[in-house]
Amino acid sequence: FVAKCFSILNKIDIKYYLVDHKLRKESSQEAKKVFLLLK
């Protein structure tokens, strides 16, 4: 969130990386949920 604020105020591109470790069966579903929330 604060990185997004920084990118807006400073007009720069920021990359966001989310790791899906697949150590738990729920991990991919959680990753997708976070992806959609941030979108």
All heavy atoms as atom14 arrays in JSON, in Angstrom:
{
  "sequence": "FVAKCFSILNKIDIKYYLVDHKLRKESSQEAKKVFLLLK",
  "atom14_mask": [
    [1, 1, 1, 1, 1, 1, 1, 1, 1, 1, 1, 0, 0, 0],
    [1, 1, 1, 1, 1, 1, 1, 0, 0, 0, 0, 0, 0, 0],
    [1, 1, 1, 1, 1, 0, 0, 0, 0, 0, 0, 0, 0, 0],
    [1, 1, 1, 1, 1, 1, 1, 1, 1, 0, 0, 0, 0, 0],
    [1, 1, 1, 1, 1, 1, 0, 0, 0, 0, 0, 0, 0, 0],
    [1, 1, 1, 1, 1, 1, 1, 1, 1, 1, 1, 0, 0, 0],
    [1, 1, 1, 1, 1, 1, 0, 0, 0, 0, 0, 0, 0, 0],
    [1, 1, 1, 1, 1, 1, 1, 1, 0, 0, 0, 0, 0, 0],
    [1, 1, 1, 1, 1, 1, 1, 1, 0, 0, 0, 0, 0, 0],
    [1, 1, 1, 1, 1, 1, 1, 1, 0, 0, 0, 0, 0, 0],
    [1, 1, 1, 1, 1, 1, 1, 1, 1, 0, 0, 0, 0, 0],
    [1, 1, 1, 1, 1, 1, 1, 1, 0, 0, 0, 0, 0, 0],
    [1, 1, 1, 1, 1, 1, 1, 1, 0, 0, 0, 0, 0, 0],
    [1, 1, 1, 1, 1, 1, 1, 1, 0, 0, 0, 0, 0, 0],
    [1, 1, 1, 1, 1, 1, 1, 1, 1, 0, 0, 0, 0, 0],
    [1, 1, 1, 1, 1, 1, 1, 1, 1, 1, 1, 1, 0, 0],
    [1, 1, 1, 1, 1, 1, 1, 1, 1, 1, 1, 1, 0, 0],
    [1, 1, 1, 1, 1, 1, 1, 1, 0, 0, 0, 0, 0, 0],
    [1, 1, 1, 1, 1, 1, 1, 0, 0, 0, 0, 0, 0, 0],
    [1, 1, 1, 1, 1, 1, 1, 1, 0, 0, 0, 0, 0, 0],
    [1, 1, 1, 1, 1, 1, 1, 1, 1, 1, 0, 0, 0, 0],
    [1, 1, 1, 1, 1, 1, 1, 1, 1, 0, 0, 0, 0, 0],
    [1, 1, 1, 1, 1, 1, 1, 1, 0, 0, 0, 0, 0, 0],
    [1, 1, 1, 1, 1, 1, 1, 1, 1, 1, 1, 0, 0, 0],
    [1, 1, 1, 1, 1, 1, 1, 1, 1, 0, 0, 0, 0, 0],
    [1, 1, 1, 1, 1, 1, 1, 1, 1, 0, 0, 0, 0, 0],
    [1, 1, 1, 1, 1, 1, 0, 0, 0, 0, 0, 0, 0, 0],
    [1, 1, 1, 1, 1, 1, 0, 0, 0, 0, 0, 0, 0, 0],
    [1, 1, 1, 1, 1, 1, 1, 1, 1, 0, 0, 0, 0, 0],
    [1, 1, 1, 1, 1, 1, 1, 1, 1, 0, 0, 0, 0, 0],
    [1, 1, 1, 1, 1, 0, 0, 0, 0, 0, 0, 0, 0, 0],
    [1, 1, 1, 1, 1, 1, 1, 1, 1, 0, 0, 0, 0, 0],
    [1, 1, 1, 1, 1, 1, 1, 1, 1, 0, 0, 0, 0, 0],
    [1, 1, 1, 1, 1, 1, 1, 0, 0, 0, 0, 0, 0, 0],
    [1, 1, 1, 1, 1, 1, 1, 1, 1, 1, 1, 0, 0, 0],
    [1, 1, 1, 1, 1, 1, 1, 1, 0, 0, 0, 0, 0, 0],
    [1, 1, 1, 1, 1, 1, 1, 1, 0, 0, 0, 0, 0, 0],
    [1, 1, 1, 1, 1, 1, 1, 1, 0, 0, 0, 0, 0, 0],
    [1, 1, 1, 1, 1, 1, 1, 1, 1, 0, 0, 0, 0, 0]
  ],
  "atom14_positions": [
    [[0.82, -1.21, 0.0], [0.0, 0.0, 0.0], [0.86, 1.27, 0.0], [0.64, 2.17, -0.83], [-0.92, 0.02, 1.21], [-1.65, 1.33, 1.38], [-2.73, 1.63, 0.58], [-1.21, 2.27, 2.29], [-3.38, 2.86, 0.69], [-1.84, 3.49, 2.42], [-2.94, 3.78, 1.62], [0.0, 0.0, 0.0], [0.0, 0.0, 0.0], [0.0, 0.0, 0.0]],
    [[1.82, 1.37, 0.92], [2.61, 2.6, 0.98], [3.51, 2.74, -0.24], [3.82, 3.85, -0.68], [3.43, 2.69, 2.29], [2.51, 2.82, 3.49], [4.37, 1.51, 2.46], [0.0, 0.0, 0.0], [0.0, 0.0, 0.0], [0.0, 0.0, 0.0], [0.0, 0.0, 0.0], [0.0, 0.0, 0.0], [0.0, 0.0, 0.0], [0.0, 0.0, 0.0]],
    [[3.92, 1.59, -0.83], [4.7, 1.65, -2.07], [3.84, 2.21, -3.2], [4.32, 2.97, -4.04], [5.21, 0.26, -2.43], [0.0, 0.0, 0.0], [0.0, 0.0, 0.0], [0.0, 0.0, 0.0], [0.0, 0.0, 0.0], [0.0, 0.0, 0.0], [0.0, 0.0, 0.0], [0.0, 0.0, 0.0], [0.0, 0.0, 0.0], [0.0, 0.0, 0.0]],
    [[2.55, 1.84, -3.21], [1.64, 2.39, -4.22], [1.49, 3.89, -4.04], [1.52, 4.65, -5.02], [0.27, 1.7, -4.1], [-0.74, 2.18, -5.15], [-0.26, 1.86, -6.55], [-1.24, 2.34, -7.61], [-0.76, 2.07, -8.98], [0.0, 0.0, 0.0], [0.0, 0.0, 0.0], [0.0, 0.0, 0.0], [0.0, 0.0, 0.0], [0.0, 0.0, 0.0]],
    [[1.37, 4.33, -2.8], [1.31, 5.78, -2.53], [2.57, 6.47, -3.05], [2.51, 7.53, -3.68], [1.17, 6.04, -1.03], [-0.4, 5.5, -0.33], [0.0, 0.0, 0.0], [0.0, 0.0, 0.0], [0.0, 0.0, 0.0], [0.0, 0.0, 0.0], [0.0, 0.0, 0.0], [0.0, 0.0, 0.0], [0.0, 0.0, 0.0], [0.0, 0.0, 0.0]],
    [[3.71, 5.86, -2.79], [4.99, 6.42, -3.23], [5.05, 6.51, -4.75], [5.51, 7.5, -5.31], [6.14, 5.56, -2.7], [7.5, 6.13, -2.95], [8.07, 7.03, -2.06], [8.22, 5.75, -4.07], [9.33, 7.56, -2.3], [9.49, 6.27, -4.32], [10.04, 7.18, -3.42], [0.0, 0.0, 0.0], [0.0, 0.0, 0.0], [0.0, 0.0, 0.0]],
    [[4.56, 5.47, -5.43], [4.61, 5.47, -6.9], [3.7, 6.54, -7.5], [4.04, 7.15, -8.51], [4.21, 4.09, -7.43], [2.83, 3.83, -7.24], [0.0, 0.0, 0.0], [0.0, 0.0, 0.0], [0.0, 0.0, 0.0], [0.0, 0.0, 0.0], [0.0, 0.0, 0.0], [0.0, 0.0, 0.0], [0.0, 0.0, 0.0], [0.0, 0.0, 0.0]],
    [[2.54, 6.76, -6.86], [1.61, 7.78, -7.34], [2.21, 9.18, -7.16], [2.21, 10.01, -8.08], [0.25, 7.7, -6.6], [-0.44, 6.37, -6.91], [-0.65, 8.87, -6.98], [-1.66, 6.09, -6.05], [0.0, 0.0, 0.0], [0.0, 0.0, 0.0], [0.0, 0.0, 0.0], [0.0, 0.0, 0.0], [0.0, 0.0, 0.0], [0.0, 0.0, 0.0]],
    [[2.72, 9.43, -5.96], [3.25, 10.76, -5.64], [4.53, 11.09, -6.4], [4.81, 12.26, -6.66], [3.48, 10.87, -4.13], [2.22, 10.82, -3.26], [2.6, 10.75, -1.79], [1.35, 12.04, -3.53], [0.0, 0.0, 0.0], [0.0, 0.0, 0.0], [0.0, 0.0, 0.0], [0.0, 0.0, 0.0], [0.0, 0.0, 0.0], [0.0, 0.0, 0.0]],
    [[5.3, 10.06, -6.74], [6.58, 10.29, -7.41], [6.57, 9.89, -8.88], [7.6, 10.0, -9.55], [7.7, 9.54, -6.68], [7.95, 10.09, -5.3], [8.68, 11.06, -5.12], [7.34, 9.47, -4.29], [0.0, 0.0, 0.0], [0.0, 0.0, 0.0], [0.0, 0.0, 0.0], [0.0, 0.0, 0.0], [0.0, 0.0, 0.0], [0.0, 0.0, 0.0]],
    [[5.41, 9.4, -9.33], [5.23, 9.05, -10.74], [6.32, 8.08, -11.23], [6.99, 8.31, -12.25], [5.22, 10.31, -11.61], [4.03, 11.22, -11.35], [4.05, 12.44, -12.26], [2.79, 13.28, -12.13], [2.55, 13.76, -10.76], [0.0, 0.0, 0.0], [0.0, 0.0, 0.0], [0.0, 0.0, 0.0], [0.0, 0.0, 0.0], [0.0, 0.0, 0.0]],
    [[6.51, 6.99, -10.5], [7.46, 5.97, -10.91], [6.77, 4.61, -10.95], [5.75, 4.4, -10.3], [8.69, 5.9, -9.96], [8.25, 5.48, -8.55], [9.43, 7.21, -9.92], [9.41, 5.14, -7.65], [0.0, 0.0, 0.0], [0.0, 0.0, 0.0], [0.0, 0.0, 0.0], [0.0, 0.0, 0.0], [0.0, 0.0, 0.0], [0.0, 0.0, 0.0]],
    [[7.36, 3.72, -11.71], [6.82, 2.37, -11.85], [7.42, 1.46, -10.79], [8.64, 1.45, -10.59], [7.15, 1.83, -13.25], [6.67, 0.41, -13.44], [5.53, 0.11, -13.04], [7.44, -0.4, -13.98], [0.0, 0.0, 0.0], [0.0, 0.0, 0.0], [0.0, 0.0, 0.0], [0.0, 0.0, 0.0], [0.0, 0.0, 0.0], [0.0, 0.0, 0.0]],
    [[6.58, 0.72, -10.09], [7.02, -0.21, -9.07], [6.49, -1.6, -9.41], [5.33, -1.74, -9.81], [6.53, 0.21, -7.66], [7.18, 1.53, -7.26], [6.85, -0.86, -6.63], [6.65, 2.09, -5.95], [0.0, 0.0, 0.0], [0.0, 0.0, 0.0], [0.0, 0.0, 0.0], [0.0, 0.0, 0.0], [0.0, 0.0, 0.0], [0.0, 0.0, 0.0]],
    [[7.32, -2.6, -9.26], [6.92, -3.98, -9.51], [6.51, -4.64, -8.2], [7.09, -4.37, -7.15], [8.07, -4.77, -10.15], [8.54, -4.22, -11.49], [7.47, -4.35, -12.56], [8.0, -3.89, -13.91], [6.97, -3.96, -14.97], [0.0, 0.0, 0.0], [0.0, 0.0, 0.0], [0.0, 0.0, 0.0], [0.0, 0.0, 0.0], [0.0, 0.0, 0.0]],
    [[5.54, -5.52, -8.28], [5.05, -6.25, -7.11], [5.11, -7.74, -7.42], [4.53, -8.19, -8.41], [3.62, -5.84, -6.77], [3.46, -4.37, -6.48], [3.27, -3.46, -7.52], [3.47, -3.89, -5.17], [3.13, -2.1, -7.26], [3.32, -2.53, -4.91], [3.15, -1.65, -5.96], [3.0, -0.31, -5.71], [0.0, 0.0, 0.0], [0.0, 0.0, 0.0]],
    [[5.81, -8.51, -6.57], [5.97, -9.93, -6.79], [5.38, -10.71, -5.62], [5.71, -10.45, -4.46], [7.45, -10.31, -6.92], [8.22, -9.54, -7.97], [9.52, -9.1, -7.72], [7.67, -9.25, -9.21], [10.24, -8.4, -8.66], [8.37, -8.55, -10.17], [9.67, -8.12, -9.89], [10.37, -7.42, -10.83], [0.0, 0.0, 0.0], [0.0, 0.0, 0.0]],
    [[4.52, -11.66, -5.93], [3.89, -12.5, -4.92], [4.31, -13.95, -5.14], [4.09, -14.5, -6.22], [2.37, -12.37, -5.01], [1.53, -13.3, -4.13], [1.8, -13.03, -2.66], [0.05, -13.1, -4.43], [0.0, 0.0, 0.0], [0.0, 0.0, 0.0], [0.0, 0.0, 0.0], [0.0, 0.0, 0.0], [0.0, 0.0, 0.0], [0.0, 0.0, 0.0]],
    [[4.95, -14.56, -4.15], [5.43, -15.94, -4.28], [4.36, -16.93, -3.81], [3.86, -16.83, -2.69], [6.73, -16.15, -3.48], [7.12, -17.63, -3.48], [7.85, -15.3, -4.06], [0.0, 0.0, 0.0], [0.0, 0.0, 0.0], [0.0, 0.0, 0.0], [0.0, 0.0, 0.0], [0.0, 0.0, 0.0], [0.0, 0.0, 0.0], [0.0, 0.0, 0.0]],
    [[4.03, -17.85, -4.68], [3.14, -18.97, -4.33], [4.04, -20.19, -4.11], [4.49, -20.82, -5.07], [2.14, -19.23, -5.46], [1.25, -20.44, -5.19], [1.3, -20.96, -4.05], [0.53, -20.85, -6.11], [0.0, 0.0, 0.0], [0.0, 0.0, 0.0], [0.0, 0.0, 0.0], [0.0, 0.0, 0.0], [0.0, 0.0, 0.0], [0.0, 0.0, 0.0]],
    [[4.28, -20.53, -2.84], [5.22, -21.6, -2.53], [4.64, -23.0, -2.71], [5.37, -23.98, -2.8], [5.72, -21.45, -1.09], [4.62, -21.27, -0.09], [3.71, -22.26, 0.21], [4.27, -20.19, 0.66], [2.86, -21.82, 1.11], [3.17, -20.56, 1.41], [0.0, 0.0, 0.0], [0.0, 0.0, 0.0], [0.0, 0.0, 0.0], [0.0, 0.0, 0.0]],
    [[3.32, -23.1, -2.74], [2.62, -24.39, -2.91], [3.0, -25.42, -1.83], [2.96, -26.63, -2.08], [2.88, -24.97, -4.31], [2.15, -24.21, -5.42], [2.24, -24.94, -6.73], [1.43, -24.23, -7.8], [-0.02, -24.31, -7.56], [0.0, 0.0, 0.0], [0.0, 0.0, 0.0], [0.0, 0.0, 0.0], [0.0, 0.0, 0.0], [0.0, 0.0, 0.0]],
    [[3.35, -24.93, -0.65], [3.62, -25.85, 0.46], [2.33, -26.27, 1.15], [2.3, -27.26, 1.87], [4.56, -25.17, 1.47], [6.01, -24.98, 1.0], [6.77, -24.12, 2.0], [6.7, -26.33, 0.83], [0.0, 0.0, 0.0], [0.0, 0.0, 0.0], [0.0, 0.0, 0.0], [0.0, 0.0, 0.0], [0.0, 0.0, 0.0], [0.0, 0.0, 0.0]],
    [[1.29, -25.47, 0.96], [-0.04, -25.81, 1.48], [-1.03, -25.8, 0.32], [-0.87, -25.02, -0.62], [-0.49, -24.78, 2.54], [0.32, -24.81, 3.82], [-0.19, -23.8, 4.82], [0.1, -22.41, 4.44], [-0.79, -21.55, 3.98], [-2.06, -21.91, 3.83], [-0.44, -20.31, 3.67], [0.0, 0.0, 0.0], [0.0, 0.0, 0.0], [0.0, 0.0, 0.0]],
    [[-2.04, -26.63, 0.39], [-2.99, -26.73, -0.71], [-3.76, -25.43, -0.92], [-4.29, -25.18, -2.0], [-3.96, -27.9, -0.48], [-4.82, -27.77, 0.79], [-5.72, -28.98, 0.95], [-6.6, -28.87, 2.2], [-7.48, -30.05, 2.36], [0.0, 0.0, 0.0], [0.0, 0.0, 0.0], [0.0, 0.0, 0.0], [0.0, 0.0, 0.0], [0.0, 0.0, 0.0]],
    [[-3.81, -24.6, 0.14], [-4.55, -23.34, 0.03], [-3.71, -22.21, -0.58], [-4.24, -21.13, -0.86], [-5.03, -22.87, 1.41], [-5.86, -23.89, 2.18], [-5.01, -24.79, 3.04], [-3.75, -24.68, 2.98], [-5.59, -25.61, 3.77], [0.0, 0.0, 0.0], [0.0, 0.0, 0.0], [0.0, 0.0, 0.0], [0.0, 0.0, 0.0], [0.0, 0.0, 0.0]],
    [[-2.41, -22.43, -0.77], [-1.52, -21.32, -1.12], [-1.88, -20.65, -2.45], [-1.85, -19.42, -2.57], [-0.07, -21.79, -1.15], [0.16, -22.68, -2.23], [0.0, 0.0, 0.0], [0.0, 0.0, 0.0], [0.0, 0.0, 0.0], [0.0, 0.0, 0.0], [0.0, 0.0, 0.0], [0.0, 0.0, 0.0], [0.0, 0.0, 0.0], [0.0, 0.0, 0.0]],
    [[-2.23, -21.44, -3.47], [-2.57, -20.86, -4.77], [-3.86, -20.05, -4.71], [-3.98, -18.98, -5.32], [-2.7, -21.97, -5.82], [-1.47, -22.61, -6.02], [0.0, 0.0, 0.0], [0.0, 0.0, 0.0], [0.0, 0.0, 0.0], [0.0, 0.0, 0.0], [0.0, 0.0, 0.0], [0.0, 0.0, 0.0], [0.0, 0.0, 0.0], [0.0, 0.0, 0.0]],
    [[-4.82, -20.54, -3.93], [-6.07, -19.82, -3.76], [-5.84, -18.5, -3.02], [-6.41, -17.47, -3.37], [-7.07, -20.69, -2.99], [-8.47, -20.09, -2.88], [-9.44, -21.01, -2.17], [-9.07, -22.11, -1.76], [-10.68, -20.58, -2.01], [0.0, 0.0, 0.0], [0.0, 0.0, 0.0], [0.0, 0.0, 0.0], [0.0, 0.0, 0.0], [0.0, 0.0, 0.0]],
    [[-4.97, -18.54, -2.0], [-4.64, -17.33, -1.25], [-3.92, -16.33, -2.15], [-4.19, -15.12, -2.09], [-3.77, -17.69, -0.05], [-4.52, -18.43, 1.04], [-3.61, -18.96, 2.13], [-2.37, -18.86, 1.97], [-4.12, -19.5, 3.13], [0.0, 0.0, 0.0], [0.0, 0.0, 0.0], [0.0, 0.0, 0.0], [0.0, 0.0, 0.0], [0.0, 0.0, 0.0]],
    [[-3.0, -16.82, -2.98], [-2.26, -15.94, -3.88], [-3.21, -15.24, -4.86], [-3.09, -14.03, -5.11], [-1.21, -16.74, -4.65], [0.0, 0.0, 0.0], [0.0, 0.0, 0.0], [0.0, 0.0, 0.0], [0.0, 0.0, 0.0], [0.0, 0.0, 0.0], [0.0, 0.0, 0.0], [0.0, 0.0, 0.0], [0.0, 0.0, 0.0], [0.0, 0.0, 0.0]],
    [[-4.17, -15.98, -5.38], [-5.15, -15.4, -6.31], [-6.03, -14.36, -5.6], [-6.34, -13.31, -6.17], [-6.03, -16.51, -6.9], [-6.98, -16.01, -7.99], [-7.74, -17.15, -8.63], [-8.66, -16.64, -9.73], [-9.43, -17.75, -10.37], [0.0, 0.0, 0.0], [0.0, 0.0, 0.0], [0.0, 0.0, 0.0], [0.0, 0.0, 0.0], [0.0, 0.0, 0.0]],
    [[-6.39, -14.65, -4.35], [-7.22, -13.72, -3.58], [-6.48, -12.41, -3.34], [-7.05, -11.31, -3.48], [-7.61, -14.35, -2.25], [-8.67, -13.57, -1.48], [-9.17, -14.35, -0.27], [-10.27, -13.6, 0.46], [-10.8, -14.37, 1.61], [0.0, 0.0, 0.0], [0.0, 0.0, 0.0], [0.0, 0.0, 0.0], [0.0, 0.0, 0.0], [0.0, 0.0, 0.0]],
    [[-5.19, -12.51, -2.98], [-4.37, -11.31, -2.78], [-4.21, -10.55, -4.09], [-4.31, -9.31, -4.13], [-2.99, -11.69, -2.2], [-2.06, -10.47, -2.17], [-3.14, -12.27, -0.81], [0.0, 0.0, 0.0], [0.0, 0.0, 0.0], [0.0, 0.0, 0.0], [0.0, 0.0, 0.0], [0.0, 0.0, 0.0], [0.0, 0.0, 0.0], [0.0, 0.0, 0.0]],
    [[-4.0, -11.29, -5.18], [-3.85, -10.68, -6.5], [-5.08, -9.85, -6.86], [-4.97, -8.69, -7.31], [-3.64, -11.79, -7.54], [-3.62, -11.32, -8.96], [-2.43, -10.91, -9.55], [-4.79, -11.27, -9.72], [-2.41, -10.46, -10.88], [-4.78, -10.82, -11.03], [-3.59, -10.42, -11.61], [0.0, 0.0, 0.0], [0.0, 0.0, 0.0], [0.0, 0.0, 0.0]],
    [[-6.27, -10.41, -6.66], [-7.52, -9.71, -7.01], [-7.78, -8.54, -6.07], [-8.3, -7.49, -6.49], [-8.69, -10.7, -6.96], [-8.65, -11.81, -8.02], [-9.78, -12.81, -7.79], [-8.74, -11.22, -9.43], [0.0, 0.0, 0.0], [0.0, 0.0, 0.0], [0.0, 0.0, 0.0], [0.0, 0.0, 0.0], [0.0, 0.0, 0.0], [0.0, 0.0, 0.0]],
    [[-7.43, -8.7, -4.8], [-7.61, -7.61, -3.83], [-6.76, -6.41, -4.21], [-7.24, -5.27, -4.23], [-7.23, -8.1, -2.43], [-7.23, -7.04, -1.32], [-8.66, -6.63, -1.0], [-6.54, -7.58, -0.07], [0.0, 0.0, 0.0], [0.0, 0.0, 0.0], [0.0, 0.0, 0.0], [0.0, 0.0, 0.0], [0.0, 0.0, 0.0], [0.0, 0.0, 0.0]],
    [[-5.5, -6.65, -4.52], [-4.6, -5.56, -4.86], [-4.98, -4.89, -6.18], [-4.76, -3.69, -6.37], [-3.15, -6.08, -4.93], [-2.55, -6.55, -3.6], [-1.16, -7.12, -3.82], [-2.5, -5.42, -2.59], [0.0, 0.0, 0.0], [0.0, 0.0, 0.0], [0.0, 0.0, 0.0], [0.0, 0.0, 0.0], [0.0, 0.0, 0.0], [0.0, 0.0, 0.0]],
    [[-5.55, -5.67, -7.07], [-5.97, -5.13, -8.36], [-6.99, -4.01, -8.18], [-7.04, -3.05, -8.97], [-6.55, -6.25, -9.22], [-6.76, -5.87, -10.68], [-7.22, -7.08, -11.49], [-7.43, -6.7, -12.95], [-7.9, -7.88, -13.75], [0.0, 0.0, 0.0], [0.0, 0.0, 0.0], [0.0, 0.0, 0.0], [0.0, 0.0, 0.0], [0.0, 0.0, 0.0]]
  ]
}
